[in-house]
């Protein structure tokens, strides 16, 4: 899979070595994931990363990155993709170059002309801000103990038995300028595609959406994970595989109004899993399906219900130089995390052809199949 002048590699051979599925998942889940390590060719060494995406029924897409995985060395050259290949006799062969990656027992061995070029272990990356504790003076919006700070259509928001906030929640508090930390978990939906695959959204002030979506291995568009919906795509697609906790850390500055007219756009900086993907990006308008119009008043934080089971935890707001600063409810028991890597354990680009139907209650937006009407920025 490496796309370099020394040896163009974008072939993978995937061997399934354990057929016992994880609880709530399937055998394909054990193959899906990230692989990264060092490869040597013609006396030169380089780092390489592979993302393997499960598409259901034994089908996969493989994506290869020269320099390492996104956020971990990738040189931003065009990744190599092998799309929608079927598992046959327990093996998945993604062909297309002078080398092959054979994945078994949690290691991808890169081979060329019978020679091993290097091993890439399967990694489970963790955001460096995962579990980050709120600073002194911050307002804790959700710590797993209750949903007192959240509502859903005028009723209390929903929480799981193990203390996770469900999608379709709106904060009772409203905010102007602020910093926000939030952690989210995408479901494993291998047969879903595009906007139907683990879809939600984080709306700042109920006006500006940072998309939440299973975009693992995709190109990274404004309607994919980390995108500021309909405004700007992320600088890098930092979406991890589904069923791994991820983080957004946002610095948000509200729009400014005078005499009822907007005189300055809102803007935000966003870090996804510890990597800055938007830096001081201006927000000239509210984003698609936002429940609030732009205005001078503070707004709530909204976690969109798009019909998929998304989970949230460790949500807190810190103050900037603003009157809408959070109150002091810091939970000092949480610990900072550092980046961790562990060996364990499609043609799927986001379908941008949708017809949008906005539900009147603004609970979520339903996107109908592509044969109704083509709309590039479908949600």
Protein backbone atom coordinates (compact mmCIF):
# COMPACT_ATOMS: atom_id res chain seq x y z
CA UNK A 1 0.00 0.00 0.00
CA UNK A 2 2.84 2.53 0.35
CA UNK A 3 2.70 5.02 -2.50
CA UNK A 4 6.36 5.98 -2.80
CA UNK A 5 8.92 6.16 -5.60
CA UNK A 6 10.84 3.19 -4.22
CA UNK A 7 7.97 0.76 -4.20
CA UNK A 8 4.30 1.42 -4.91
CA UNK A 9 2.39 -0.69 -2.43
CA UNK A 10 -1.37 -0.71 -2.18
CA UNK A 11 -2.15 -4.39 -1.84
CA UNK A 12 -3.34 -6.16 1.26
CA UNK A 13 -3.99 -9.78 2.13
CA UNK A 14 -6.17 -10.05 5.21
CA UNK A 15 -6.30 -13.39 7.05
CA UNK A 16 -9.04 -13.94 9.59
CA UNK A 17 -7.55 -15.83 12.50
CA UNK A 18 -10.33 -15.69 15.06
CA UNK A 19 -14.00 -16.12 14.18
CA UNK A 20 -15.45 -15.60 17.66
CA UNK A 21 -17.16 -12.19 17.39
CA UNK A 22 -16.90 -9.54 20.04
CA UNK A 23 -20.02 -8.95 22.06
CA UNK A 24 -22.41 -6.95 19.89
CA UNK A 25 -20.02 -7.06 16.95
CA UNK A 26 -19.02 -9.53 14.26
CA UNK A 27 -15.90 -11.27 12.97
CA UNK A 28 -15.21 -8.43 10.53
CA UNK A 29 -14.77 -6.06 13.47
CA UNK A 30 -11.62 -7.93 14.46
CA UNK A 31 -10.06 -7.12 11.07
CA UNK A 32 -11.19 -3.52 10.85
CA UNK A 33 -8.78 -1.05 12.42
CA UNK A 34 -5.47 0.76 12.11
CA UNK A 35 -2.01 -0.68 11.43
CA UNK A 36 1.20 1.33 11.52
CA UNK A 37 4.95 0.69 11.58
CA UNK A 38 8.24 0.90 9.73
CA UNK A 39 8.95 -0.49 6.26
CA UNK A 40 12.32 -0.79 4.53
CA UNK A 41 12.88 -0.82 0.75
CA UNK A 42 16.08 -0.43 -1.28
CA UNK A 43 17.99 0.26 1.90
CA UNK A 44 15.74 3.11 2.97
CA UNK A 45 13.23 3.05 5.78
CA UNK A 46 9.92 4.85 6.06
CA UNK A 47 6.79 4.76 8.17
CA UNK A 48 3.52 3.53 6.78
CA UNK A 49 -0.06 3.24 8.02
CA UNK A 50 -3.10 1.28 6.90
CA UNK A 51 -6.77 1.78 7.78
CA UNK A 52 -9.09 -1.17 7.14
CA UNK A 53 -12.83 -0.43 7.04
CA UNK A 54 -15.50 -3.12 7.46
CA UNK A 55 -18.41 -2.85 5.00
CA UNK A 56 -20.41 -5.85 6.18
CA UNK A 57 -20.76 -9.44 4.92
CA UNK A 58 -17.01 -9.94 4.72
CA UNK A 59 -16.30 -6.90 2.54
CA UNK A 60 -13.63 -4.31 3.28
CA UNK A 61 -11.91 -1.21 2.00
CA UNK A 62 -8.21 -0.62 2.66
CA UNK A 63 -6.52 2.79 2.76
CA UNK A 64 -2.76 3.28 2.91
CA UNK A 65 -0.86 6.36 4.12
CA UNK A 66 2.80 7.14 3.44
CA UNK A 67 4.56 8.47 6.53
CA UNK A 68 2.10 6.99 9.00
CA UNK A 69 -1.55 7.29 9.96
CA UNK A 70 -3.47 10.60 9.92
CA UNK A 71 -2.29 12.64 12.88
CA UNK A 72 0.73 10.37 13.29
CA UNK A 73 3.14 11.15 10.48
CA UNK A 74 1.06 10.97 7.29
CA UNK A 75 2.79 13.19 4.71
CA UNK A 76 -0.56 14.35 3.27
CA UNK A 77 0.09 12.68 -0.09
CA UNK A 78 -2.89 11.01 -1.74
CA UNK A 79 -3.70 7.82 0.13
CA UNK A 80 -3.96 4.54 -1.79
CA UNK A 81 -7.40 2.93 -1.70
CA UNK A 82 -8.62 -0.54 -2.55
CA UNK A 83 -12.40 -0.61 -2.53
CA UNK A 84 -15.14 -3.05 -1.62
CA UNK A 85 -13.31 -6.38 -1.81
CA UNK A 86 -14.93 -9.64 -0.69
CA UNK A 87 -13.44 -12.02 1.84
CA UNK A 88 -12.83 -15.36 0.08
CA UNK A 89 -11.86 -18.56 1.90
CA UNK A 90 -10.98 -16.59 5.01
CA UNK A 91 -8.72 -14.16 3.17
CA UNK A 92 -9.22 -10.71 1.72
CA UNK A 93 -6.82 -9.74 -1.07
CA UNK A 94 -6.59 -6.08 -1.99
CA UNK A 95 -4.48 -5.97 -5.14
CA UNK A 96 -2.92 -3.12 -7.02
CA UNK A 97 0.82 -2.77 -6.65
CA UNK A 98 4.24 -4.36 -6.30
CA UNK A 99 3.76 -5.23 -2.64
CA UNK A 100 1.25 -7.00 -0.41
CA UNK A 101 0.27 -6.51 3.19
CA UNK A 102 -0.62 -9.77 4.94
CA UNK A 103 -2.59 -9.11 8.12
CA UNK A 104 -2.80 -11.86 10.71
CA UNK A 105 -2.59 -12.10 14.49
CA UNK A 106 -2.77 -8.31 14.81
CA UNK A 107 0.22 -7.59 12.55
CA UNK A 108 0.37 -6.49 8.91
CA UNK A 109 3.47 -7.87 7.23
CA UNK A 110 4.47 -5.94 4.12
CA UNK A 111 5.85 -8.24 1.42
CA UNK A 112 7.40 -7.64 -2.02
CA UNK A 113 8.75 -10.31 -4.35
CA UNK A 114 8.85 -12.79 -1.51
CA UNK A 115 10.76 -10.45 0.79
CA UNK A 116 9.40 -9.04 4.05
CA UNK A 117 9.73 -5.25 4.14
CA UNK A 118 8.40 -4.74 7.64
CA UNK A 119 5.63 -5.41 10.14
CA UNK A 120 2.83 -2.99 11.02
CA UNK A 121 1.15 -3.82 14.37
CA UNK A 122 -2.55 -3.22 14.82
CA UNK A 123 -3.01 -0.15 16.98
CA UNK A 124 -5.80 1.18 19.12
CA UNK A 125 -5.12 4.89 19.42
CA UNK A 126 -6.45 7.05 22.24
CA UNK A 127 -6.90 10.78 22.13
CA UNK A 128 -4.44 12.67 24.38
CA UNK A 129 -7.42 14.59 25.81
CA UNK A 130 -9.50 11.48 26.57
CA UNK A 131 -10.61 11.68 30.19
CA UNK A 132 -9.34 15.24 30.54
CA UNK A 133 -10.51 16.75 33.81
CA UNK A 134 -12.21 20.15 33.82
CA UNK A 135 -10.06 23.01 35.07
CA UNK A 136 -10.92 24.96 38.18
CA UNK A 137 -13.87 27.24 37.48
CA UNK A 138 -15.26 25.12 34.65
CA UNK A 139 -18.90 23.99 34.47
CA UNK A 140 -19.40 20.24 34.35
CA UNK A 141 -22.37 19.55 32.06
CA UNK A 142 -22.26 15.75 32.20
CA UNK A 143 -20.19 13.40 34.36
CA UNK A 144 -22.35 10.28 34.18
CA UNK A 145 -24.17 10.85 37.46
CA UNK A 146 -27.37 12.43 36.10
CA UNK A 147 -28.96 14.26 33.17
CA UNK A 148 -30.09 17.19 35.30
CA UNK A 149 -28.35 19.63 32.95
CA UNK A 150 -29.96 18.25 29.79
CA UNK A 151 -33.38 17.95 28.24
CA UNK A 152 -35.01 16.45 25.16
CA UNK A 153 -38.16 18.03 23.69
CA UNK A 154 -38.99 19.49 27.07
CA UNK A 155 -38.42 16.18 28.85
CA UNK A 156 -35.29 14.95 30.63
CA UNK A 157 -32.58 13.72 28.29
CA UNK A 158 -31.82 10.00 28.17
CA UNK A 159 -28.90 8.26 29.85
CA UNK A 160 -27.80 4.63 29.69
CA UNK A 161 -27.60 2.38 32.74
CA UNK A 162 -23.82 2.67 32.67
CA UNK A 163 -23.86 6.48 32.80
CA UNK A 164 -23.55 7.60 29.18
CA UNK A 165 -25.57 10.41 27.62
CA UNK A 166 -27.64 9.47 24.57
CA UNK A 167 -28.01 11.49 21.38
CA UNK A 168 -30.88 13.96 21.14
CA UNK A 169 -29.91 16.11 24.14
CA UNK A 170 -29.91 19.85 24.66
CA UNK A 171 -28.13 21.64 27.49
CA UNK A 172 -30.31 23.66 29.84
CA UNK A 173 -27.53 26.20 30.23
CA UNK A 174 -26.75 28.59 27.40
CA UNK A 175 -23.37 29.98 26.44
CA UNK A 176 -21.65 32.77 24.57
CA UNK A 177 -17.87 32.56 24.23
CA UNK A 178 -16.58 29.32 25.76
CA UNK A 179 -14.30 26.31 25.58
CA UNK A 180 -15.92 22.88 25.34
CA UNK A 181 -14.62 19.37 25.95
CA UNK A 182 -16.76 16.40 24.89
CA UNK A 183 -16.16 12.68 24.35
CA UNK A 184 -18.22 10.56 21.96
CA UNK A 185 -18.53 6.94 20.88
CA UNK A 186 -19.63 5.91 17.37
CA UNK A 187 -21.59 2.67 16.88
CA UNK A 188 -20.35 -0.19 14.72
CA UNK A 189 -22.64 -0.15 11.65
CA UNK A 190 -20.69 -1.96 8.90
CA UNK A 191 -23.59 -2.25 6.45
CA UNK A 192 -24.58 1.40 6.69
CA UNK A 193 -23.21 3.96 4.26
CA UNK A 194 -22.62 7.68 4.08
CA UNK A 195 -24.75 9.83 6.34
CA UNK A 196 -26.55 6.78 7.74
CA UNK A 197 -23.43 5.45 9.45
CA UNK A 198 -23.13 6.65 13.03
CA UNK A 199 -24.53 10.15 12.46
CA UNK A 200 -25.00 12.89 15.04
CA UNK A 201 -23.73 16.43 15.43
CA UNK A 202 -22.36 18.83 18.03
CA UNK A 203 -24.08 22.21 17.69
CA UNK A 204 -22.42 25.18 19.39
CA UNK A 205 -25.14 27.59 20.59
CA UNK A 206 -27.58 25.38 18.68
CA UNK A 207 -26.30 27.22 15.58
CA UNK A 208 -23.02 25.84 14.28
CA UNK A 209 -22.47 22.11 13.78
CA UNK A 210 -19.29 20.12 14.06
CA UNK A 211 -20.31 16.90 12.36
CA UNK A 212 -20.21 13.56 14.19
CA UNK A 213 -20.17 10.59 11.81
CA UNK A 214 -18.39 7.29 11.28
CA UNK A 215 -15.99 8.68 8.66
CA UNK A 216 -13.15 6.31 9.48
CA UNK A 217 -10.96 6.00 6.38
CA UNK A 218 -12.84 8.59 4.31
CA UNK A 219 -11.38 11.69 2.66
CA UNK A 220 -12.64 14.16 5.28
CA UNK A 221 -15.33 16.49 3.89
CA UNK A 222 -17.44 19.18 5.52
CA UNK A 223 -20.28 16.67 6.01
CA UNK A 224 -17.97 14.05 7.51
CA UNK A 225 -16.63 13.68 11.04
CA UNK A 226 -14.87 16.86 12.15
CA UNK A 227 -16.35 18.95 9.36
CA UNK A 228 -18.00 22.27 10.12
CA UNK A 229 -21.14 21.33 8.30
CA UNK A 230 -21.61 23.08 4.94
CA UNK A 231 -18.79 25.52 5.78
CA UNK A 232 -15.38 23.80 5.95
CA UNK A 233 -13.89 20.32 5.82
CA UNK A 234 -11.35 19.31 8.49
CA UNK A 235 -7.69 19.88 7.70
CA UNK A 236 -7.17 16.17 8.40
CA UNK A 237 -9.59 13.31 8.93
CA UNK A 238 -8.88 12.27 12.53
CA UNK A 239 -11.85 9.92 12.87
CA UNK A 240 -10.95 6.72 14.71
CA UNK A 241 -12.70 3.38 14.08
CA UNK A 242 -16.19 2.94 15.57
CA UNK A 243 -16.42 1.72 19.16
CA UNK A 244 -13.36 3.74 20.21
CA UNK A 245 -13.88 6.84 22.35
CA UNK A 246 -13.04 10.12 20.60
CA UNK A 247 -12.76 13.76 21.70
CA UNK A 248 -13.61 17.24 20.49
CA UNK A 249 -11.98 20.21 22.18
CA UNK A 250 -13.48 23.46 20.92
CA UNK A 251 -12.74 27.14 21.48
CA UNK A 252 -15.81 29.08 20.39
CA UNK A 253 -16.29 32.83 20.00
CA UNK A 254 -19.84 34.00 19.42
CA UNK A 255 -20.96 36.36 16.68
CA UNK A 256 -21.18 40.03 17.65
CA UNK A 257 -24.27 42.16 17.02
CA UNK A 258 -25.00 45.89 17.13
CA UNK A 259 -28.41 47.48 16.66
CA UNK A 260 -29.84 44.11 15.73
CA UNK A 261 -27.31 43.47 12.96
CA UNK A 262 -24.38 41.09 12.91
CA UNK A 263 -21.11 43.01 12.81
CA UNK A 264 -18.68 40.12 13.35
CA UNK A 265 -18.92 36.43 12.49
CA UNK A 266 -18.59 33.71 15.08
CA UNK A 267 -15.45 31.61 14.86
CA UNK A 268 -14.06 28.42 16.34
CA UNK A 269 -10.93 26.33 16.72
CA UNK A 270 -11.49 22.56 16.91
CA UNK A 271 -9.15 19.75 17.95
CA UNK A 272 -10.30 16.21 17.08
CA UNK A 273 -8.55 13.54 19.11
CA UNK A 274 -5.91 16.07 20.08
CA UNK A 275 -5.13 17.26 16.54
CA UNK A 276 -6.20 20.77 15.47
CA UNK A 277 -8.42 20.33 12.41
CA UNK A 278 -9.89 23.88 12.33
CA UNK A 279 -8.02 26.98 13.48
CA UNK A 280 -9.91 30.24 13.97
CA UNK A 281 -12.43 29.37 11.26
CA UNK A 282 -15.06 32.05 10.66
CA UNK A 283 -18.69 30.96 10.66
CA UNK A 284 -20.56 33.24 8.22
CA UNK A 285 -23.92 31.53 8.74
CA UNK A 286 -25.70 28.97 10.85
CA UNK A 287 -25.14 25.44 9.60
CA UNK A 288 -27.69 23.10 8.03
CA UNK A 289 -30.55 21.98 10.29
CA UNK A 290 -29.44 24.18 13.20
CA UNK A 291 -32.32 24.56 15.68
CA UNK A 292 -31.37 28.20 16.44
CA UNK A 293 -31.02 31.13 14.09
CA UNK A 294 -28.04 33.44 14.50
CA UNK A 295 -28.56 36.12 17.12
CA UNK A 296 -26.90 38.04 19.95
CA UNK A 297 -28.28 35.87 22.75
CA UNK A 298 -26.37 32.90 24.20
CA UNK A 299 -27.32 29.45 22.94
CA UNK A 300 -27.47 25.87 24.16
CA UNK A 301 -25.25 22.93 23.26
CA UNK A 302 -27.20 20.47 21.13
CA UNK A 303 -26.31 16.83 20.43
CA UNK A 304 -28.30 15.85 17.38
CA UNK A 305 -30.51 12.78 17.15
CA UNK A 306 -30.13 11.43 13.62
CA UNK A 307 -31.54 8.02 14.47
CA UNK A 308 -28.17 6.39 15.29
CA UNK A 309 -27.05 5.29 18.73
CA UNK A 310 -24.26 7.73 19.68
CA UNK A 311 -22.95 7.97 23.25
CA UNK A 312 -21.37 10.92 25.06
CA UNK A 313 -19.48 11.44 28.31
CA UNK A 314 -17.16 13.88 30.16
CA UNK A 315 -18.72 17.10 28.89
CA UNK A 316 -17.61 20.39 30.40
CA UNK A 317 -17.43 24.06 29.51
CA UNK A 318 -14.69 26.47 30.53
CA UNK A 319 -14.83 30.24 30.37
CA UNK A 320 -13.11 32.63 28.01
CA UNK A 321 -13.19 36.39 28.62
CA UNK A 322 -16.95 36.40 28.54
CA UNK A 323 -19.90 37.03 30.82
CA UNK A 324 -21.27 33.62 29.87
CA UNK A 325 -18.50 31.76 31.70
CA UNK A 326 -19.20 28.41 33.29
CA UNK A 327 -19.82 28.10 37.01
CA UNK A 328 -17.38 26.22 39.22
CA UNK A 329 -18.44 22.58 39.30
CA UNK A 330 -15.15 20.99 38.42
CA UNK A 331 -14.73 17.28 38.95
CA UNK A 332 -11.09 16.90 40.00
CA UNK A 333 -11.27 13.09 40.12
CA UNK A 334 -10.82 12.64 36.37
CA UNK A 335 -7.28 12.14 35.16
CA UNK A 336 -5.47 13.43 32.10
CA UNK A 337 -4.61 10.85 29.48
CA UNK A 338 -1.66 10.59 27.16
CA UNK A 339 -1.66 9.16 23.67
CA UNK A 340 -1.70 5.39 23.92
CA UNK A 341 -1.11 2.80 21.22
CA UNK A 342 -1.88 -0.85 21.85
CA UNK A 343 -1.75 -4.05 19.85
CA UNK A 344 -5.16 -5.64 20.34
CA UNK A 345 -7.61 -6.89 19.90
CA UNK A 346 -15.42 1.10 0.27
CA UNK A 347 -16.13 2.50 -2.01
CA UNK A 348 -17.50 4.00 1.17
CA UNK A 349 -17.09 7.70 0.62
CA UNK A 350 -19.81 9.73 2.35
CA UNK A 351 -22.78 9.57 0.00
CA UNK A 352 -23.27 13.21 -0.89
CA UNK A 353 -26.45 12.61 -2.84
CA UNK A 354 -29.41 13.05 -0.58
CA UNK A 355 -32.70 14.82 -0.42
CA UNK A 356 -33.10 16.66 2.85
CA UNK A 357 -36.31 16.59 4.82
CA UNK A 358 -36.14 18.65 7.97
CA UNK A 359 -38.43 17.35 10.68
CA UNK A 360 -40.57 20.10 12.19
CA UNK A 361 -39.54 19.29 15.76
CA UNK A 362 -35.85 19.68 14.79
CA UNK A 363 -35.07 16.43 16.57
CA UNK A 364 -33.18 15.12 13.60
CA UNK A 365 -32.94 15.39 9.84
CA UNK A 366 -34.01 12.49 7.65
CA UNK A 367 -32.02 11.98 4.47
CA UNK A 368 -33.73 10.01 1.79
CA UNK A 369 -31.99 7.84 -0.85
CA UNK A 370 -30.01 9.38 -3.67
CA UNK A 371 -32.53 8.55 -6.38
CA UNK A 372 -34.90 11.22 -5.07
CA UNK A 373 -32.78 14.26 -5.72
CA UNK A 374 -29.05 15.02 -5.89
CA UNK A 375 -27.76 17.48 -3.33
CA UNK A 376 -24.00 17.72 -2.88
CA UNK A 377 -24.06 18.95 0.68
CA UNK A 378 -26.58 16.39 1.90
CA UNK A 379 -26.51 15.86 5.67
